[in-house]
Amino acid sequence: MSMIFSLLHEIEIPKFYRIQNHLCATHLTDVPAAVRSALTRPGTLDRIFPGATVCFTGSSREIANAVPILRTLAEEFRRVGANPVLVPAMGSHGGALAENQRAILTHYGITEASIGCPIHSSMDTVEVGKTPEGLSVHMDAFAVSCDLIVPVGRIKAHTQFHGSVESGIMKMITIGLGKQHGADLCHAFGMRALARYVPEFARVSLKNCNIPFGIGILENGVHDTYQIAAIPSEHIEEEEPELLKLAKSLMPSFPYDEIDIVMVDQMGKEISGDGMDTNVIGRDFFERGRRPGIQRIAVRDLSKKTGSNFYGIALADMVTRRLFDKISFEETYPNFITNVTPEGVTIPAVLASDKLCLQACIKTCTRKGPDFPRVAWIRDTLHLGEFYVSESLRRAPITEGYTCTFEDTPLHAEFDPDGNFLGFQHESA
């Protein structure tokens, strides 16, 4: 028996209950029709001319309905006589390698066959101008060689900086299409400075590159498509902030202000740029204590789609040996080098099993009392419509403005002899 096991194995695991967190589930019922409707706006599809090669973008995040959205865009470009080509717009993701960025798209089902047009992946960039203070602005060289560039991005709150624009069209122009070199130049002054430099760099590209319009995608609270907007290039900086406000009002979140422990089944780049959404867990690489107040976070595994990229692991307090054994420094470190955030790859405590991770979290929490431990067990930070809460958290007050329902039957967390989580079972099972 190891000393770690002997210190933790007698710590009692609480009972759990399934909770339904009633987030906004309003969604588009016909996504291709919504894309076509958005493109009827003057200054969008009418700017695509016959014979033009149109470069449009695929994201490093798993965007709901990405395949039908991109396929419909390609169809509409061809319908007016243009030749669409998709490029991965991912900054330094995929280890800053072109073949890996193409593979990320494949993980999301985005292939030449599924979207009906060629995919061109390259890390080469060219300078397209300079900011007012003389900073060089770079963009994907192939995209610049095309007749037109249409950035496609999901508009949402960013995990590490806050400003009038965060994740969305302007960031796709600056960071995504900037590839590793362009992203590196924009990140040079630190992650917080992106609130200034993302729009500043994007203005240069919008002025000097043939970008007729952009496509903004909004998702609801349960990771489904809420709205698709086509915005003429001259209105992107004006309209994207309003769409960001709407996106923030829709995003998933916990219905509690205070939680002792959060068990997370998986983290990954397709879920959030930091593996877990900092806006959901109330902490980032530099600050803790925002809502909700969470004392301990344990992560059980990397998602299949993230591969070996463990960027954001520092947001956890405990991880399993299973997760640790999958990590790749070559795949992940280009992210922190480009983003100048070594804080994001600091490795937390590594425990042999899921059960020991939970027991270590319980043991090391400093808040005790009759309502301890308040535990939330979630799939990941993108899916908070349904999860599991301990008996103590079930009794805790729900934050004003949220509506939740609970199943009355208590469940126990079942583990195999090695401490690997098998699932939740009814008490009588």
Protein backbone atom coordinates (compact mmCIF):
# COMPACT_ATOMS: atom_id res chain seq x y z
CA MET A 1 0.00 0.00 0.00
CA SER A 2 1.45 3.38 -1.01
CA MET A 3 1.62 6.19 1.52
CA ILE A 4 -0.65 8.31 -0.73
CA PHE A 5 -3.28 5.58 -0.78
CA SER A 6 -3.03 5.04 2.98
CA LEU A 7 -3.58 8.76 3.61
CA LEU A 8 -6.65 9.03 1.39
CA HIS A 9 -8.44 5.72 0.89
CA GLU A 10 -10.71 5.96 3.95
CA ILE A 11 -12.14 9.35 2.96
CA GLU A 12 -15.84 8.89 2.30
CA ILE A 13 -17.30 9.64 -1.13
CA PRO A 14 -20.64 11.47 -0.89
CA LYS A 15 -23.90 10.47 -2.55
CA PHE A 16 -24.84 12.29 -5.74
CA TYR A 17 -28.01 13.49 -7.49
CA ARG A 18 -28.60 14.33 -11.13
CA ILE A 19 -29.44 18.00 -11.73
CA GLN A 20 -31.05 19.65 -14.74
CA ASN A 21 -29.71 23.18 -15.14
CA HIS A 22 -32.25 24.90 -17.39
CA LEU A 23 -30.01 26.98 -19.66
CA CYS A 24 -31.08 28.74 -22.85
CA ALA A 25 -31.80 26.00 -25.39
CA THR A 26 -33.32 28.16 -28.15
CA HIS A 27 -31.64 27.13 -31.39
CA LEU A 28 -31.83 27.31 -35.16
CA THR A 29 -33.92 24.46 -36.53
CA ASP A 30 -32.58 24.80 -40.09
CA VAL A 31 -28.92 25.84 -40.03
CA PRO A 32 -28.31 25.85 -43.82
CA ALA A 33 -31.39 28.04 -44.29
CA ALA A 34 -30.10 30.42 -41.61
CA VAL A 35 -26.75 30.71 -43.42
CA ARG A 36 -28.47 31.48 -46.71
CA SER A 37 -30.74 34.00 -45.00
CA ALA A 38 -27.77 35.77 -43.42
CA LEU A 39 -26.10 36.03 -46.83
CA THR A 40 -29.04 38.01 -48.25
CA ARG A 41 -27.78 41.04 -46.31
CA PRO A 42 -26.42 43.71 -48.69
CA GLY A 43 -22.65 43.87 -48.58
CA THR A 44 -22.14 40.15 -48.05
CA LEU A 45 -22.69 37.48 -50.73
CA ASP A 46 -23.34 40.19 -53.34
CA ARG A 47 -19.66 41.13 -53.02
CA ILE A 48 -18.52 37.69 -54.20
CA PHE A 49 -17.83 37.90 -57.93
CA PRO A 50 -17.77 35.09 -60.51
CA GLY A 51 -14.40 33.42 -60.94
CA ALA A 52 -13.09 34.64 -57.57
CA THR A 53 -11.13 32.28 -55.34
CA VAL A 54 -12.72 32.72 -51.91
CA CYS A 55 -10.78 31.64 -48.85
CA PHE A 56 -12.89 31.01 -45.75
CA THR A 57 -11.88 29.68 -42.34
CA GLY A 58 -12.19 26.62 -40.11
CA SER A 59 -11.67 26.96 -36.36
CA SER A 60 -9.62 25.04 -33.79
CA ARG A 61 -12.72 24.88 -31.58
CA GLU A 62 -15.55 22.41 -31.96
CA ILE A 63 -18.32 24.71 -33.17
CA ALA A 64 -21.83 23.27 -33.21
CA ASN A 65 -23.02 22.52 -36.77
CA ALA A 66 -19.66 23.54 -38.22
CA VAL A 67 -19.97 21.11 -41.12
CA PRO A 68 -23.39 22.28 -42.40
CA ILE A 69 -22.39 25.93 -41.87
CA LEU A 70 -19.16 25.60 -43.85
CA ARG A 71 -20.74 23.34 -46.48
CA THR A 72 -23.55 25.84 -47.08
CA LEU A 73 -21.07 28.71 -47.38
CA ALA A 74 -19.13 26.74 -49.98
CA GLU A 75 -22.36 25.99 -51.85
CA GLU A 76 -23.38 29.65 -51.86
CA PHE A 77 -19.95 30.79 -53.06
CA ARG A 78 -20.11 28.29 -55.92
CA ARG A 79 -23.70 29.28 -56.72
CA VAL A 80 -22.55 32.81 -57.57
CA GLY A 81 -19.64 31.48 -59.65
CA ALA A 82 -16.78 31.61 -57.14
CA ASN A 83 -14.28 28.93 -56.14
CA PRO A 84 -14.26 28.30 -52.37
CA VAL A 85 -11.20 27.04 -50.46
CA LEU A 86 -11.14 26.44 -46.69
CA VAL A 87 -8.06 27.14 -44.54
CA PRO A 88 -7.50 26.19 -40.89
CA ALA A 89 -7.31 29.47 -38.97
CA MET A 90 -5.78 28.30 -35.70
CA GLY A 91 -2.77 30.41 -34.76
CA SER A 92 -0.25 28.08 -33.12
CA HIS A 93 -2.58 25.18 -32.37
CA GLY A 94 -1.73 21.66 -33.49
CA GLY A 95 1.87 22.14 -32.48
CA ALA A 96 2.10 24.94 -35.08
CA LEU A 97 2.26 22.31 -37.85
CA ALA A 98 0.15 22.52 -41.02
CA GLU A 99 -0.62 18.80 -41.11
CA ASN A 100 -1.77 18.85 -37.48
CA GLN A 101 -4.09 21.79 -38.11
CA ARG A 102 -5.66 19.92 -40.99
CA ALA A 103 -6.02 16.89 -38.69
CA ILE A 104 -7.85 19.03 -36.11
CA LEU A 105 -10.45 19.87 -38.75
CA THR A 106 -10.77 16.18 -39.58
CA HIS A 107 -11.43 15.42 -35.88
CA TYR A 108 -14.45 17.74 -36.16
CA GLY A 109 -15.69 16.04 -39.32
CA ILE A 110 -14.50 18.92 -41.53
CA THR A 111 -13.03 17.32 -44.64
CA GLU A 112 -12.98 18.16 -48.32
CA ALA A 113 -15.71 15.56 -48.84
CA SER A 114 -17.97 16.81 -46.03
CA ILE A 115 -17.85 20.50 -46.97
CA GLY A 116 -17.48 20.05 -50.71
CA CYS A 117 -14.40 22.15 -51.41
CA PRO A 118 -10.60 21.99 -51.16
CA ILE A 119 -8.79 22.54 -47.84
CA HIS A 120 -5.40 24.27 -47.93
CA SER A 121 -3.30 24.13 -44.77
CA SER A 122 -0.03 26.06 -44.45
CA MET A 123 1.82 27.97 -41.75
CA ASP A 124 3.37 30.48 -44.18
CA THR A 125 2.48 34.13 -43.61
CA VAL A 126 3.12 37.48 -45.24
CA GLU A 127 3.10 40.96 -43.76
CA VAL A 128 -0.05 42.86 -44.69
CA GLY A 129 0.71 46.12 -42.90
CA LYS A 130 1.72 47.73 -39.64
CA THR A 131 -0.22 49.08 -36.68
CA PRO A 132 -0.04 52.81 -35.86
CA GLU A 133 2.82 52.07 -33.43
CA GLY A 134 4.73 50.13 -36.06
CA LEU A 135 3.91 46.52 -35.12
CA SER A 136 3.97 44.07 -38.02
CA VAL A 137 0.66 42.41 -38.95
CA HIS A 138 0.85 39.00 -40.64
CA MET A 139 -1.71 36.80 -42.35
CA ASP A 140 -1.83 33.35 -43.94
CA ALA A 141 0.07 33.70 -47.22
CA PHE A 142 -2.32 31.48 -49.15
CA ALA A 143 -5.34 33.43 -47.90
CA VAL A 144 -3.75 36.68 -49.02
CA SER A 145 -3.09 35.18 -52.46
CA CYS A 146 -6.81 34.48 -52.89
CA ASP A 147 -9.15 37.05 -54.38
CA LEU A 148 -11.33 37.28 -51.26
CA ILE A 149 -11.11 36.23 -47.60
CA VAL A 150 -14.21 35.49 -45.49
CA PRO A 151 -13.41 34.91 -41.79
CA VAL A 152 -15.83 32.60 -39.99
CA GLY A 153 -15.74 32.65 -36.19
CA ARG A 154 -17.78 31.79 -33.12
CA ILE A 155 -18.40 34.91 -31.06
CA LYS A 156 -18.01 34.29 -27.32
CA ALA A 157 -16.27 35.42 -24.17
CA HIS A 158 -12.52 34.84 -24.19
CA THR A 159 -10.96 32.89 -21.35
CA GLN A 160 -8.00 35.20 -20.60
CA PHE A 161 -8.85 38.75 -21.67
CA HIS A 162 -11.94 40.94 -21.74
CA GLY A 163 -12.70 43.80 -24.07
CA SER A 164 -15.17 45.13 -26.62
CA VAL A 165 -14.31 42.14 -28.84
CA GLU A 166 -12.98 38.83 -27.56
CA SER A 167 -13.28 35.50 -29.38
CA GLY A 168 -14.95 36.05 -32.73
CA ILE A 169 -14.43 37.45 -36.20
CA MET A 170 -11.73 40.00 -35.36
CA LYS A 171 -9.76 37.47 -33.35
CA MET A 172 -10.07 35.00 -36.22
CA ILE A 173 -8.57 37.62 -38.53
CA THR A 174 -5.76 38.54 -36.13
CA ILE A 175 -4.83 35.26 -34.40
CA GLY A 176 -6.39 32.48 -36.46
CA LEU A 177 -5.34 33.73 -39.90
CA GLY A 178 -2.16 35.13 -38.41
CA LYS A 179 -0.97 31.54 -37.92
CA GLN A 180 1.87 30.98 -35.45
CA HIS A 181 3.93 33.97 -36.62
CA GLY A 182 1.05 36.44 -36.59
CA ALA A 183 -0.27 35.14 -33.28
CA ASP A 184 3.20 35.45 -31.77
CA LEU A 185 3.47 39.10 -32.83
CA CYS A 186 0.04 39.92 -31.36
CA HIS A 187 0.68 38.10 -28.07
CA ALA A 188 4.07 39.72 -27.49
CA PHE A 189 2.79 42.05 -24.78
CA GLY A 190 0.91 39.40 -22.84
CA MET A 191 -2.51 37.82 -22.85
CA ARG A 192 -4.27 40.73 -21.13
CA ALA A 193 -3.02 43.11 -23.82
CA LEU A 194 -5.04 41.25 -26.47
CA ALA A 195 -8.06 43.41 -25.59
CA ARG A 196 -6.15 46.21 -27.28
CA TYR A 197 -4.16 44.41 -29.93
CA VAL A 198 -6.76 42.04 -31.41
CA PRO A 199 -8.90 44.91 -32.78
CA GLU A 200 -5.81 46.99 -33.60
CA PHE A 201 -4.25 44.23 -35.72
CA ALA A 202 -7.63 43.33 -37.26
CA ARG A 203 -8.16 46.93 -38.43
CA VAL A 204 -4.95 46.70 -40.46
CA SER A 205 -6.04 43.44 -42.11
CA LEU A 206 -9.54 44.74 -42.77
CA LYS A 207 -8.07 47.82 -44.44
CA ASN A 208 -5.35 46.12 -46.49
CA CYS A 209 -6.81 42.70 -47.35
CA ASN A 210 -9.77 41.78 -49.54
CA ILE A 211 -12.22 40.86 -46.76
CA PRO A 212 -15.74 41.58 -48.03
CA PHE A 213 -17.56 40.36 -44.93
CA GLY A 214 -17.34 38.01 -41.95
CA ILE A 215 -19.56 35.31 -40.52
CA GLY A 216 -20.30 35.34 -36.77
CA ILE A 217 -21.76 32.27 -35.04
CA LEU A 218 -23.47 32.39 -31.65
CA GLU A 219 -24.28 29.36 -29.53
CA ASN A 220 -26.87 28.88 -26.79
CA GLY A 221 -26.27 27.49 -23.31
CA VAL A 222 -26.33 23.86 -24.44
CA HIS A 223 -23.76 24.09 -27.27
CA ASP A 224 -26.16 24.46 -30.18
CA THR A 225 -26.41 27.14 -32.86
CA TYR A 226 -28.38 30.17 -31.72
CA GLN A 227 -27.70 32.73 -34.46
CA ILE A 228 -25.64 33.20 -37.62
CA ALA A 229 -24.75 36.73 -38.67
CA ALA A 230 -23.13 37.94 -41.90
CA ILE A 231 -21.49 41.32 -41.35
CA PRO A 232 -20.02 43.58 -44.07
CA SER A 233 -16.37 44.28 -43.30
CA GLU A 234 -16.93 47.99 -42.63
CA HIS A 235 -19.43 47.10 -39.86
CA ILE A 236 -17.56 44.26 -38.11
CA GLU A 237 -15.90 46.41 -35.45
CA GLU A 238 -19.20 48.17 -34.75
CA GLU A 239 -21.47 45.11 -34.63
CA GLU A 240 -19.32 42.38 -33.11
CA PRO A 241 -19.34 43.96 -29.59
CA GLU A 242 -23.14 43.83 -29.51
CA LEU A 243 -23.13 40.19 -30.59
CA LEU A 244 -20.54 39.48 -27.88
CA LYS A 245 -22.88 40.90 -25.23
CA LEU A 246 -25.62 38.60 -26.47
CA ALA A 247 -23.25 35.61 -26.53
CA LYS A 248 -22.22 36.25 -22.92
CA SER A 249 -25.86 36.28 -21.84
CA LEU A 250 -26.33 32.83 -23.41
CA MET A 251 -23.22 31.03 -22.20
CA PRO A 252 -23.42 28.03 -19.81
CA SER A 253 -22.62 28.55 -16.14
CA PHE A 254 -23.07 26.95 -12.74
CA PRO A 255 -26.26 27.78 -10.81
CA TYR A 256 -24.22 28.15 -7.60
CA ASP A 257 -22.04 30.92 -6.19
CA GLU A 258 -19.88 28.60 -4.05
CA ILE A 259 -18.72 25.04 -4.76
CA ASP A 260 -16.08 23.14 -2.82
CA ILE A 261 -14.99 20.69 -5.51
CA VAL A 262 -15.59 20.25 -9.24
CA MET A 263 -14.81 16.90 -10.84
CA VAL A 264 -14.32 17.29 -14.61
CA ASP A 265 -14.48 14.25 -16.88
CA GLN A 266 -12.48 15.85 -19.70
CA MET A 267 -10.66 18.97 -20.81
CA GLY A 268 -9.54 19.86 -24.33
CA LYS A 269 -8.87 22.53 -26.93
CA GLU A 270 -12.15 21.87 -28.74
CA ILE A 271 -13.98 22.60 -25.47
CA SER A 272 -12.10 25.81 -24.70
CA GLY A 273 -8.81 27.41 -25.69
CA ASP A 274 -7.66 26.78 -22.13
CA GLY A 275 -9.03 23.26 -21.93
CA MET A 276 -11.66 24.48 -19.45
CA ASP A 277 -13.59 27.73 -19.83
CA THR A 278 -12.27 30.13 -17.20
CA ASN A 279 -15.55 32.06 -17.32
CA VAL A 280 -17.30 28.91 -16.09
CA ILE A 281 -14.87 27.86 -13.36
CA GLY A 282 -14.19 31.35 -12.01
CA ARG A 283 -10.40 31.16 -12.23
CA ASP A 284 -7.69 31.71 -14.81
CA PHE A 285 -3.91 31.41 -14.83
CA PHE A 286 -3.47 34.63 -12.86
CA GLU A 287 -6.55 35.03 -10.68
CA ARG A 288 -8.96 32.97 -8.59
CA GLY A 289 -12.03 33.85 -6.59
CA ARG A 290 -14.45 34.96 -9.27
CA ARG A 291 -17.93 33.46 -9.39
CA PRO A 292 -18.35 30.66 -8.72
CA GLY A 293 -15.91 30.29 -5.86
CA ILE A 294 -14.39 26.83 -6.36
CA GLN A 295 -11.71 25.58 -3.99
CA ARG A 296 -10.57 22.41 -5.80
CA ILE A 297 -10.82 21.20 -9.41
CA ALA A 298 -9.87 17.69 -10.53
CA VAL A 299 -9.71 16.61 -14.18
CA ARG A 300 -10.00 12.95 -15.07
CA ASP A 301 -8.87 12.90 -18.71
CA LEU A 302 -8.00 14.70 -21.92
CA SER A 303 -10.74 14.65 -24.56
CA LYS A 304 -10.21 12.42 -27.58
CA LYS A 305 -10.33 15.38 -29.94
CA THR A 306 -7.63 17.36 -28.13
CA GLY A 307 -5.16 14.51 -28.55
CA SER A 308 -2.14 15.15 -26.33
CA ASN A 309 -2.53 18.93 -26.01
CA PHE A 310 -2.74 19.70 -22.30
CA TYR A 311 -2.67 23.51 -22.46
CA GLY A 312 -4.70 24.85 -19.55
CA ILE A 313 -3.87 21.97 -17.21
CA ALA A 314 -2.73 24.55 -14.64
CA LEU A 315 -6.38 25.43 -14.01
CA ALA A 316 -6.74 22.08 -12.22
CA ASP A 317 -5.53 21.22 -8.72
CA MET A 318 -5.49 17.45 -9.34
CA VAL A 319 -5.31 15.28 -12.46
CA THR A 320 -5.20 11.52 -12.96
CA ARG A 321 -2.18 9.53 -14.01
CA ARG A 322 -4.29 8.48 -17.02
CA LEU A 323 -4.38 12.09 -18.20
CA PHE A 324 -0.72 12.73 -17.40
CA ASP A 325 0.44 9.74 -19.42
CA LYS A 326 -1.22 11.18 -22.56
CA ILE A 327 0.39 14.63 -22.57
CA SER A 328 2.78 15.82 -25.28
CA PHE A 329 5.17 18.70 -24.74
CA GLU A 330 5.84 19.01 -28.50
CA GLU A 331 2.14 19.34 -29.26
CA THR A 332 1.39 21.74 -26.40
CA TYR A 333 4.39 23.96 -25.78
CA PRO A 334 4.10 25.96 -29.04
CA ASN A 335 0.85 27.32 -27.54
CA PHE A 336 2.41 28.73 -24.39
CA ILE A 337 5.50 29.97 -26.26
CA THR A 338 3.31 31.83 -28.75
CA ASN A 339 0.85 33.05 -26.08
CA VAL A 340 3.64 33.92 -23.62
CA THR A 341 1.74 32.06 -20.88
CA PRO A 342 3.95 29.36 -19.33
CA GLU A 343 1.51 29.61 -16.42
CA GLY A 344 -0.93 27.58 -18.52
CA VAL A 345 1.16 24.40 -18.63
CA THR A 346 2.21 24.14 -14.98
CA ILE A 347 1.37 20.56 -14.04
CA PRO A 348 -0.81 20.08 -10.91
CA ALA A 349 -0.81 17.15 -8.49
CA VAL A 350 -1.02 13.79 -10.28
CA LEU A 351 -2.99 11.02 -8.55
CA ALA A 352 -3.17 7.37 -9.56
CA SER A 353 -6.95 7.17 -10.01
CA ASP A 354 -10.23 9.05 -10.28
CA LYS A 355 -11.19 8.05 -6.77
CA LEU A 356 -7.92 9.26 -5.26
CA CYS A 357 -8.31 12.58 -7.12
CA LEU A 358 -11.70 13.13 -5.52
CA GLN A 359 -10.49 11.98 -2.11
CA ALA A 360 -7.45 14.28 -2.34
CA CYS A 361 -9.73 17.20 -3.20
CA ILE A 362 -11.94 16.43 -0.20
CA LYS A 363 -8.92 16.06 2.10
CA THR A 364 -7.26 19.31 1.02
CA CYS A 365 -10.33 21.56 1.14
CA THR A 366 -10.03 23.93 4.07
CA ARG A 367 -13.75 24.66 4.36
CA LYS A 368 -15.43 22.07 6.59
CA GLY A 369 -18.80 21.85 8.31
CA PRO A 370 -22.10 19.98 8.19
CA ASP A 371 -22.71 20.93 4.53
CA PHE A 372 -19.31 19.69 3.35
CA PRO A 373 -18.35 18.59 0.72
CA ARG A 374 -20.28 20.48 -1.94
CA VAL A 375 -19.21 18.63 -5.10
CA ALA A 376 -20.23 19.16 -8.73
CA TRP A 377 -19.33 16.42 -11.23
CA ILE A 378 -19.46 17.61 -14.85
CA ARG A 379 -18.63 16.24 -18.29
CA ASP A 380 -16.73 19.43 -19.25
CA THR A 381 -17.21 23.18 -19.06
CA LEU A 382 -19.14 23.28 -22.33
CA HIS A 383 -21.92 20.98 -21.12
CA LEU A 384 -23.62 22.23 -17.95
CA GLY A 385 -27.23 21.50 -18.84
CA GLU A 386 -27.06 18.27 -16.87
CA PHE A 387 -24.52 17.19 -14.28
CA TYR A 388 -24.28 15.64 -10.81
CA VAL A 389 -24.11 17.24 -7.39
CA SER A 390 -23.34 15.88 -3.96
CA GLU A 391 -26.03 15.76 -1.30
CA SER A 392 -24.65 18.91 0.35
CA LEU A 393 -24.62 20.89 -2.90
CA ARG A 394 -28.16 19.72 -3.65
CA ARG A 395 -29.25 21.45 -0.43
CA ALA A 396 -27.31 24.65 -1.22
CA PRO A 397 -29.19 27.73 -2.48
CA ILE A 398 -29.55 28.18 -6.23
CA THR A 399 -28.27 31.50 -7.55
CA GLU A 400 -31.00 34.00 -8.39
CA GLY A 401 -32.00 33.85 -12.05
CA TYR A 402 -31.38 30.11 -12.47
CA THR A 403 -33.95 27.33 -12.64
CA CYS A 404 -32.95 23.78 -11.72
CA THR A 405 -34.66 20.48 -11.12
CA PHE A 406 -33.24 17.45 -9.32
CA GLU A 407 -33.87 13.75 -9.50
CA ASP A 408 -34.89 12.45 -6.08
CA THR A 409 -33.05 9.14 -6.28
CA PRO A 410 -29.58 9.20 -4.70
CA LEU A 411 -26.72 7.77 -6.72
CA HIS A 412 -23.35 6.43 -5.72
CA ALA A 413 -20.13 6.84 -7.69
CA GLU A 414 -18.95 3.38 -8.67
CA PHE A 415 -15.23 2.66 -9.05
CA ASP A 416 -13.34 -0.45 -10.12
CA PRO A 417 -10.72 -2.02 -7.80
CA ASP A 418 -8.06 0.35 -9.21
CA GLY A 419 -10.16 3.42 -8.42
CA ASN A 420 -11.24 4.13 -12.00
CA PHE A 421 -14.71 5.70 -12.26
CA LEU A 422 -17.33 3.41 -13.82
CA GLY A 423 -20.40 5.64 -13.58
CA PHE A 424 -23.20 6.64 -11.24
CA GLN A 425 -25.48 3.87 -9.99
CA HIS A 426 -28.73 3.91 -8.04
CA GLU A 427 -28.27 3.14 -4.36
CA SER A 428 -30.13 -0.16 -4.72
CA ALA A 429 -27.90 -1.31 -7.58
